[in-house]
């Protein structure tokens, strides 16, 4: 059950069957060839080829030390045969994309599960417009912090709250949480039982980015919204 362990939208992950049903495992490998011609973003290099790879490995342990669960997901993103400068949106050598411990309890409130996760996480929120596990881009955004989740994808409602620091990607060095005094908070909901045809997702996101060298990068942003689909 992906929702039971709060897998944070790692779609390629599956629970093993039989005696190994305590282990969630997934491996995904993607390779693509890119050819850029007349690229206005790099005037000195208007044509360029690149072989781009992304490999993901996921391990999740549950039901062994209940209510504790453990998740580790590794990411290895690389670019070959390109003349362009290193870019952390494309390249990020072997790094822990996720590494967190979770407390998970079934049927806490009106049959809905409750989970509390702490560590490094990558997840989707609402319609993925502002927070997502990047699909097309070769590296994936992640955060260090805590996440409290009441309900899951199967429940008629769900509440998700988190307090995190964005992780700063580095091509050659170990990824670390943002060196600036940046905090990212969120509170999202999912209401599936109000209508048989429409799901409502209210949300509030707050970015507090203060002590940075570049004054123009300082931000104090609140974002409210309501997403509905059906």
C-alpha atoms as a PDB file:
ATOM      1  CA  UNK A   1       0.000   0.000   0.000  1.00  0.00           C
ATOM      2  CA  UNK A   2       1.811   3.115  -1.209  1.00  0.00           C
ATOM      3  CA  UNK A   3      -0.307   5.486   0.856  1.00  0.00           C
ATOM      4  CA  UNK A   4       0.339   3.545   4.069  1.00  0.00           C
ATOM      5  CA  UNK A   5       3.989   4.471   4.083  1.00  0.00           C
ATOM      6  CA  UNK A   6       3.472   7.943   2.701  1.00  0.00           C
ATOM      7  CA  UNK A   7       5.596   7.268  -0.363  1.00  0.00           C
ATOM      8  CA  UNK A   8       5.506  10.872  -1.505  1.00  0.00           C
ATOM      9  CA  UNK A   9       4.392  10.057  -5.049  1.00  0.00           C
ATOM     10  CA  UNK A  10       7.219   7.697  -6.022  1.00  0.00           C
ATOM     11  CA  UNK A  11       5.082   6.086  -8.718  1.00  0.00           C
ATOM     12  CA  UNK A  12       7.587   3.397  -9.641  1.00  0.00           C
ATOM     13  CA  UNK A  13       7.594   1.857  -6.130  1.00  0.00           C
ATOM     14  CA  UNK A  14       5.813  -1.406  -5.307  1.00  0.00           C
ATOM     15  CA  UNK A  15       5.360  -3.502  -2.186  1.00  0.00           C
ATOM     16  CA  UNK A  16       6.879  -6.946  -2.499  1.00  0.00           C
ATOM     17  CA  UNK A  17       4.570  -9.908  -1.985  1.00  0.00           C
ATOM     18  CA  UNK A  18       4.670 -12.948   0.248  1.00  0.00           C
ATOM     19  CA  UNK A  19       7.117 -13.027   3.157  1.00  0.00           C
ATOM     20  CA  UNK A  20       8.776  -9.844   1.843  1.00  0.00           C
ATOM     21  CA  UNK A  21       5.668  -7.655   2.167  1.00  0.00           C
ATOM     22  CA  UNK A  22       7.549  -5.542   4.715  1.00  0.00           C
ATOM     23  CA  UNK A  23       9.750  -4.167   1.931  1.00  0.00           C
ATOM     24  CA  UNK A  24       8.878  -1.536  -0.663  1.00  0.00           C
ATOM     25  CA  UNK A  25      11.239  -1.511  -3.616  1.00  0.00           C
ATOM     26  CA  UNK A  26      11.592   0.400  -6.834  1.00  0.00           C
ATOM     27  CA  UNK A  27      14.179   1.089  -9.514  1.00  0.00           C
ATOM     28  CA  UNK A  28      13.749   3.477 -12.422  1.00  0.00           C
ATOM     29  CA  UNK A  29      16.269   4.263 -15.146  1.00  0.00           C
ATOM     30  CA  UNK A  30      15.757   6.899 -17.815  1.00  0.00           C
ATOM     31  CA  UNK A  31      18.076   7.848 -20.681  1.00  0.00           C
ATOM     32  CA  UNK A  32      17.435  10.431 -23.365  1.00  0.00           C
ATOM     33  CA  UNK A  33      19.432  12.040 -26.153  1.00  0.00           C
ATOM     34  CA  UNK A  34      19.137  15.786 -26.657  1.00  0.00           C
ATOM     35  CA  UNK A  35      20.100  17.832 -29.698  1.00  0.00           C
ATOM     36  CA  UNK A  36      19.979  21.629 -29.404  1.00  0.00           C
ATOM     37  CA  UNK A  37      20.152  23.754 -32.520  1.00  0.00           C
ATOM     38  CA  UNK A  38      20.257  27.540 -32.692  1.00  0.00           C
ATOM     39  CA  UNK A  39      19.949  27.790 -28.898  1.00  0.00           C
ATOM     40  CA  UNK A  40      19.510  31.465 -27.993  1.00  0.00           C
ATOM     41  CA  UNK A  41      20.241  30.754 -24.302  1.00  0.00           C
ATOM     42  CA  UNK A  42      23.914  30.074 -25.052  1.00  0.00           C
ATOM     43  CA  UNK A  43      25.107  32.429 -27.843  1.00  0.00           C
ATOM     44  CA  UNK A  44      28.630  30.976 -27.800  1.00  0.00           C
ATOM     45  CA  UNK A  45      27.346  27.414 -28.201  1.00  0.00           C
ATOM     46  CA  UNK A  46      24.286  27.444 -30.441  1.00  0.00           C
ATOM     47  CA  UNK A  47      24.428  23.703 -31.197  1.00  0.00           C
ATOM     48  CA  UNK A  48      25.109  20.975 -28.677  1.00  0.00           C
ATOM     49  CA  UNK A  49      24.390  17.287 -28.157  1.00  0.00           C
ATOM     50  CA  UNK A  50      23.923  15.613 -24.803  1.00  0.00           C
ATOM     51  CA  UNK A  51      23.171  12.175 -23.405  1.00  0.00           C
ATOM     52  CA  UNK A  52      21.176  12.660 -20.198  1.00  0.00           C
ATOM     53  CA  UNK A  53      20.513   9.925 -17.634  1.00  0.00           C
ATOM     54  CA  UNK A  54      18.537   9.698 -14.404  1.00  0.00           C
ATOM     55  CA  UNK A  55      18.484   6.644 -12.130  1.00  0.00           C
ATOM     56  CA  UNK A  56      16.324   6.265  -9.020  1.00  0.00           C
ATOM     57  CA  UNK A  57      16.514   3.527  -6.368  1.00  0.00           C
ATOM     58  CA  UNK A  58      13.941   3.256  -3.576  1.00  0.00           C
ATOM     59  CA  UNK A  59      13.856   1.143  -0.402  1.00  0.00           C
ATOM     60  CA  UNK A  60      11.127   1.354   2.233  1.00  0.00           C
ATOM     61  CA  UNK A  61      10.862  -0.770   5.376  1.00  0.00           C
ATOM     62  CA  UNK A  62       7.545  -1.129   7.247  1.00  0.00           C
ATOM     63  CA  UNK A  63       5.760  -3.514   9.657  1.00  0.00           C
ATOM     64  CA  UNK A  64       9.112  -4.566  11.148  1.00  0.00           C
ATOM     65  CA  UNK A  65       9.389  -2.010  13.948  1.00  0.00           C
ATOM     66  CA  UNK A  66       5.795  -0.715  14.030  1.00  0.00           C
ATOM     67  CA  UNK A  67       4.880   2.079  14.208  1.00  0.00           C
ATOM     68  CA  UNK A  68       8.283   3.108  12.788  1.00  0.00           C
ATOM     69  CA  UNK A  69       8.987   3.053   9.051  1.00  0.00           C
ATOM     70  CA  UNK A  70      12.144   3.945   7.142  1.00  0.00           C
ATOM     71  CA  UNK A  71      12.511   5.284   3.595  1.00  0.00           C
ATOM     72  CA  UNK A  72      15.678   5.815   1.537  1.00  0.00           C
ATOM     73  CA  UNK A  73      15.638   6.897  -2.117  1.00  0.00           C
ATOM     74  CA  UNK A  74      18.808   7.559  -4.113  1.00  0.00           C
ATOM     75  CA  UNK A  75      19.081   9.704  -7.235  1.00  0.00           C
ATOM     76  CA  UNK A  76      21.891   9.789  -9.793  1.00  0.00           C
ATOM     77  CA  UNK A  77      21.491  12.370 -12.592  1.00  0.00           C
ATOM     78  CA  UNK A  78      24.229  12.906 -15.200  1.00  0.00           C
ATOM     79  CA  UNK A  79      24.911  14.542 -18.566  1.00  0.00           C
ATOM     80  CA  UNK A  80      27.461  13.300 -21.102  1.00  0.00           C
ATOM     81  CA  UNK A  81      28.999  14.658 -24.347  1.00  0.00           C
ATOM     82  CA  UNK A  82      27.877  18.238 -23.682  1.00  0.00           C
ATOM     83  CA  UNK A  83      30.007  21.354 -23.966  1.00  0.00           C
ATOM     84  CA  UNK A  84      27.849  23.353 -21.579  1.00  0.00           C
ATOM     85  CA  UNK A  85      28.798  24.331 -18.052  1.00  0.00           C
ATOM     86  CA  UNK A  86      27.596  22.174 -15.157  1.00  0.00           C
ATOM     87  CA  UNK A  87      23.959  22.720 -14.287  1.00  0.00           C
ATOM     88  CA  UNK A  88      22.396  21.400 -11.077  1.00  0.00           C
ATOM     89  CA  UNK A  89      18.981  21.315 -12.759  1.00  0.00           C
ATOM     90  CA  UNK A  90      20.356  18.602 -15.044  1.00  0.00           C
ATOM     91  CA  UNK A  91      23.237  17.017 -13.131  1.00  0.00           C
ATOM     92  CA  UNK A  92      23.420  15.800  -9.535  1.00  0.00           C
ATOM     93  CA  UNK A  93      25.729  12.853  -8.963  1.00  0.00           C
ATOM     94  CA  UNK A  94      24.700  10.091  -6.561  1.00  0.00           C
ATOM     95  CA  UNK A  95      22.687  11.742  -3.777  1.00  0.00           C
ATOM     96  CA  UNK A  96      20.000  10.768  -1.224  1.00  0.00           C
ATOM     97  CA  UNK A  97      16.818  12.200  -2.694  1.00  0.00           C
ATOM     98  CA  UNK A  98      14.869  10.947   0.320  1.00  0.00           C
ATOM     99  CA  UNK A  99      15.998   9.688   3.722  1.00  0.00           C
ATOM    100  CA  UNK A 100      13.405   9.906   6.452  1.00  0.00           C
ATOM    101  CA  UNK A 101      11.889   8.110   9.428  1.00  0.00           C
ATOM    102  CA  UNK A 102       8.128   7.907   9.780  1.00  0.00           C
ATOM    103  CA  UNK A 103       5.707   7.166  12.591  1.00  0.00           C
ATOM    104  CA  UNK A 104       2.573   5.626  11.093  1.00  0.00           C
ATOM    105  CA  UNK A 105      -0.713   4.788  12.811  1.00  0.00           C
ATOM    106  CA  UNK A 106      -3.767   3.264  11.106  1.00  0.00           C
ATOM    107  CA  UNK A 107      -7.329   4.353  11.850  1.00  0.00           C
ATOM    108  CA  UNK A 108      -6.507   7.189  14.234  1.00  0.00           C
ATOM    109  CA  UNK A 109      -9.391   9.566  13.387  1.00  0.00           C
ATOM    110  CA  UNK A 110     -12.586   8.379  11.746  1.00  0.00           C
ATOM    111  CA  UNK A 111     -10.655   5.498  10.191  1.00  0.00           C
ATOM    112  CA  UNK A 112      -8.022   7.790   8.638  1.00  0.00           C
ATOM    113  CA  UNK A 113      -4.314   6.985   9.110  1.00  0.00           C
ATOM    114  CA  UNK A 114      -1.896   9.419  10.737  1.00  0.00           C
ATOM    115  CA  UNK A 115       1.781   9.726   9.806  1.00  0.00           C
ATOM    116  CA  UNK A 116       4.628  11.944  11.008  1.00  0.00           C
ATOM    117  CA  UNK A 117       7.790  12.022   8.869  1.00  0.00           C
ATOM    118  CA  UNK A 118      11.107  13.720   9.567  1.00  0.00           C
ATOM    119  CA  UNK A 119      14.212  13.887   7.383  1.00  0.00           C
ATOM    120  CA  UNK A 120      14.755  14.538   3.686  1.00  0.00           C
ATOM    121  CA  UNK A 121      11.651  14.268   1.493  1.00  0.00           C
ATOM    122  CA  UNK A 122      10.442  14.784  -2.081  1.00  0.00           C
ATOM    123  CA  UNK A 123       6.702  14.965  -2.711  1.00  0.00           C
ATOM    124  CA  UNK A 124       3.846  16.389  -4.776  1.00  0.00           C
ATOM    125  CA  UNK A 125       1.347  18.900  -3.432  1.00  0.00           C
ATOM    126  CA  UNK A 126      -2.072  19.858  -4.795  1.00  0.00           C
ATOM    127  CA  UNK A 127      -1.836  20.124  -8.616  1.00  0.00           C
ATOM    128  CA  UNK A 128       2.000  19.961  -8.708  1.00  0.00           C
ATOM    129  CA  UNK A 129       2.161  23.512 -10.068  1.00  0.00           C
ATOM    130  CA  UNK A 130       4.194  24.802  -7.111  1.00  0.00           C
ATOM    131  CA  UNK A 131       5.539  21.641  -5.395  1.00  0.00           C
ATOM    132  CA  UNK A 132       6.309  18.443  -7.260  1.00  0.00           C
ATOM    133  CA  UNK A 133       8.614  15.526  -7.913  1.00  0.00           C
ATOM    134  CA  UNK A 134       9.845  16.872 -11.247  1.00  0.00           C
ATOM    135  CA  UNK A 135       8.911  14.516 -14.076  1.00  0.00           C
ATOM    136  CA  UNK A 136      10.637  15.928 -17.139  1.00  0.00           C
ATOM    137  CA  UNK A 137      13.551  17.754 -15.535  1.00  0.00           C
ATOM    138  CA  UNK A 138      16.550  15.561 -14.857  1.00  0.00           C
ATOM    139  CA  UNK A 139      16.821  16.415 -11.141  1.00  0.00           C
ATOM    140  CA  UNK A 140      14.094  16.426  -8.498  1.00  0.00           C
ATOM    141  CA  UNK A 141      13.374  19.041  -5.829  1.00  0.00           C
ATOM    142  CA  UNK A 142      13.528  17.921  -2.199  1.00  0.00           C
ATOM    143  CA  UNK A 143      13.314  19.348   1.309  1.00  0.00           C
ATOM    144  CA  UNK A 144      14.652  18.748   4.822  1.00  0.00           C
ATOM    145  CA  UNK A 145      12.081  18.995   7.583  1.00  0.00           C
ATOM    146  CA  UNK A 146       8.958  17.463   9.099  1.00  0.00           C
ATOM    147  CA  UNK A 147       5.641  16.474   7.544  1.00  0.00           C
ATOM    148  CA  UNK A 148       2.374  15.601   9.294  1.00  0.00           C
ATOM    149  CA  UNK A 149      -0.292  13.835   7.282  1.00  0.00           C
ATOM    150  CA  UNK A 150      -3.812  12.857   8.382  1.00  0.00           C
ATOM    151  CA  UNK A 151      -5.629  10.704   5.850  1.00  0.00           C
ATOM    152  CA  UNK A 152      -4.407   9.293   2.551  1.00  0.00           C
ATOM    153  CA  UNK A 153      -5.350   8.919  -1.113  1.00  0.00           C
ATOM    154  CA  UNK A 154      -8.097   6.419  -0.275  1.00  0.00           C
ATOM    155  CA  UNK A 155      -9.805   8.489   2.420  1.00  0.00           C
ATOM    156  CA  UNK A 156     -12.699  10.897   1.692  1.00  0.00           C
ATOM    157  CA  UNK A 157     -10.535  13.737   3.069  1.00  0.00           C
ATOM    158  CA  UNK A 158      -6.879  14.432   3.785  1.00  0.00           C
ATOM    159  CA  UNK A 159      -4.857  17.129   5.597  1.00  0.00           C
ATOM    160  CA  UNK A 160      -1.127  17.585   4.973  1.00  0.00           C
ATOM    161  CA  UNK A 161       1.129  20.022   6.877  1.00  0.00           C
ATOM    162  CA  UNK A 162       4.891  20.523   6.583  1.00  0.00           C
ATOM    163  CA  UNK A 163       7.735  22.756   7.767  1.00  0.00           C
ATOM    164  CA  UNK A 164      10.908  22.417   5.705  1.00  0.00           C
ATOM    165  CA  UNK A 165      14.092  23.943   4.336  1.00  0.00           C
ATOM    166  CA  UNK A 166      14.668  23.631   0.552  1.00  0.00           C
ATOM    167  CA  UNK A 167      17.679  21.472  -0.335  1.00  0.00           C
ATOM    168  CA  UNK A 168      20.368  23.218  -2.384  1.00  0.00           C
ATOM    169  CA  UNK A 169      21.583  20.938  -5.170  1.00  0.00           C
ATOM    170  CA  UNK A 170      25.289  20.756  -6.028  1.00  0.00           C
ATOM    171  CA  UNK A 171      26.736  18.954  -9.032  1.00  0.00           C
ATOM    172  CA  UNK A 172      30.003  17.904  -7.395  1.00  0.00           C
ATOM    173  CA  UNK A 173      29.425  18.297  -3.656  1.00  0.00           C
ATOM    174  CA  UNK A 174      26.991  16.781  -1.208  1.00  0.00           C
ATOM    175  CA  UNK A 175      23.548  18.382  -1.393  1.00  0.00           C
ATOM    176  CA  UNK A 176      22.719  20.366   1.730  1.00  0.00           C
ATOM    177  CA  UNK A 177      19.769  22.349   3.011  1.00  0.00           C
ATOM    178  CA  UNK A 178      19.668  25.944   1.880  1.00  0.00           C
ATOM    179  CA  UNK A 179      22.565  27.908   3.380  1.00  0.00           C
ATOM    180  CA  UNK A 180      20.361  30.976   3.681  1.00  0.00           C
ATOM    181  CA  UNK A 181      17.794  31.402   6.423  1.00  0.00           C
ATOM    182  CA  UNK A 182      14.992  29.980   4.270  1.00  0.00           C
ATOM    183  CA  UNK A 183      11.931  28.197   5.584  1.00  0.00           C
ATOM    184  CA  UNK A 184       9.081  26.763   3.536  1.00  0.00           C
ATOM    185  CA  UNK A 185       5.762  25.909   5.199  1.00  0.00           C
ATOM    186  CA  UNK A 186       2.583  24.441   3.817  1.00  0.00           C
ATOM    187  CA  UNK A 187      -0.907  23.318   4.760  1.00  0.00           C
ATOM    188  CA  UNK A 188      -2.957  21.512   2.131  1.00  0.00           C
ATOM    189  CA  UNK A 189      -6.215  19.599   2.111  1.00  0.00           C
ATOM    190  CA  UNK A 190      -8.089  17.221  -0.136  1.00  0.00           C
ATOM    191  CA  UNK A 191     -11.887  16.910   0.043  1.00  0.00           C
ATOM    192  CA  UNK A 192     -13.092  13.945  -1.976  1.00  0.00           C
ATOM    193  CA  UNK A 193     -16.438  13.312  -0.300  1.00  0.00           C
ATOM    194  CA  UNK A 194     -18.209  16.629  -0.931  1.00  0.00           C
ATOM    195  CA  UNK A 195     -19.109  15.778  -4.507  1.00  0.00           C
ATOM    196  CA  UNK A 196     -19.213  12.512  -6.461  1.00  0.00           C
ATOM    197  CA  UNK A 197     -17.630  14.275  -9.447  1.00  0.00           C
ATOM    198  CA  UNK A 198     -15.246  16.928  -8.085  1.00  0.00           C
ATOM    199  CA  UNK A 199     -12.275  16.892  -5.692  1.00  0.00           C
ATOM    200  CA  UNK A 200     -11.470  20.154  -3.866  1.00  0.00           C
ATOM    201  CA  UNK A 201      -7.930  20.952  -2.712  1.00  0.00           C
ATOM    202  CA  UNK A 202      -7.449  24.127  -0.636  1.00  0.00           C
ATOM    203  CA  UNK A 203      -3.888  25.121   0.214  1.00  0.00           C
ATOM    204  CA  UNK A 204      -1.656  27.693   1.918  1.00  0.00           C
ATOM    205  CA  UNK A 205       2.083  27.955   1.223  1.00  0.00           C
ATOM    206  CA  UNK A 206       4.532  30.285   2.947  1.00  0.00           C
ATOM    207  CA  UNK A 207       8.141  30.997   1.901  1.00  0.00           C
ATOM    208  CA  UNK A 208      10.258  32.955   4.412  1.00  0.00           C
ATOM    209  CA  UNK A 209      13.643  33.683   2.843  1.00  0.00           C
ATOM    210  CA  UNK A 210      15.571  36.294   4.817  1.00  0.00           C
ATOM    211  CA  UNK A 211      19.344  36.223   5.293  1.00  0.00           C
ATOM    212  CA  UNK A 212      20.679  35.974   1.751  1.00  0.00           C
ATOM    213  CA  UNK A 213      23.593  37.877   0.248  1.00  0.00           C
ATOM    214  CA  UNK A 214      21.541  39.198  -2.674  1.00  0.00           C
ATOM    215  CA  UNK A 215      18.865  41.532  -1.337  1.00  0.00           C
ATOM    216  CA  UNK A 216      16.697  40.910  -4.408  1.00  0.00           C
ATOM    217  CA  UNK A 217      16.414  37.238  -3.375  1.00  0.00           C
ATOM    218  CA  UNK A 218      14.834  38.028  -0.005  1.00  0.00           C
ATOM    219  CA  UNK A 219      11.221  36.876   0.005  1.00  0.00           C
ATOM    220  CA  UNK A 220       8.298  36.718   2.391  1.00  0.00           C
ATOM    221  CA  UNK A 221       5.511  35.172   0.349  1.00  0.00           C
ATOM    222  CA  UNK A 222       2.089  33.783   1.261  1.00  0.00           C
ATOM    223  CA  UNK A 223       0.193  31.849  -1.384  1.00  0.00           C
ATOM    224  CA  UNK A 224      -3.457  30.830  -0.915  1.00  0.00           C
ATOM    225  CA  UNK A 225      -5.414  28.811  -3.413  1.00  0.00           C
ATOM    226  CA  UNK A 226      -8.172  26.344  -4.166  1.00  0.00           C
ATOM    227  CA  UNK A 227      -7.685  23.667  -6.788  1.00  0.00           C
ATOM    228  CA  UNK A 228     -10.646  21.630  -8.038  1.00  0.00           C
ATOM    229  CA  UNK A 229     -10.755  18.856 -10.600  1.00  0.00           C
ATOM    230  CA  UNK A 230     -13.144  16.156 -11.737  1.00  0.00           C
END
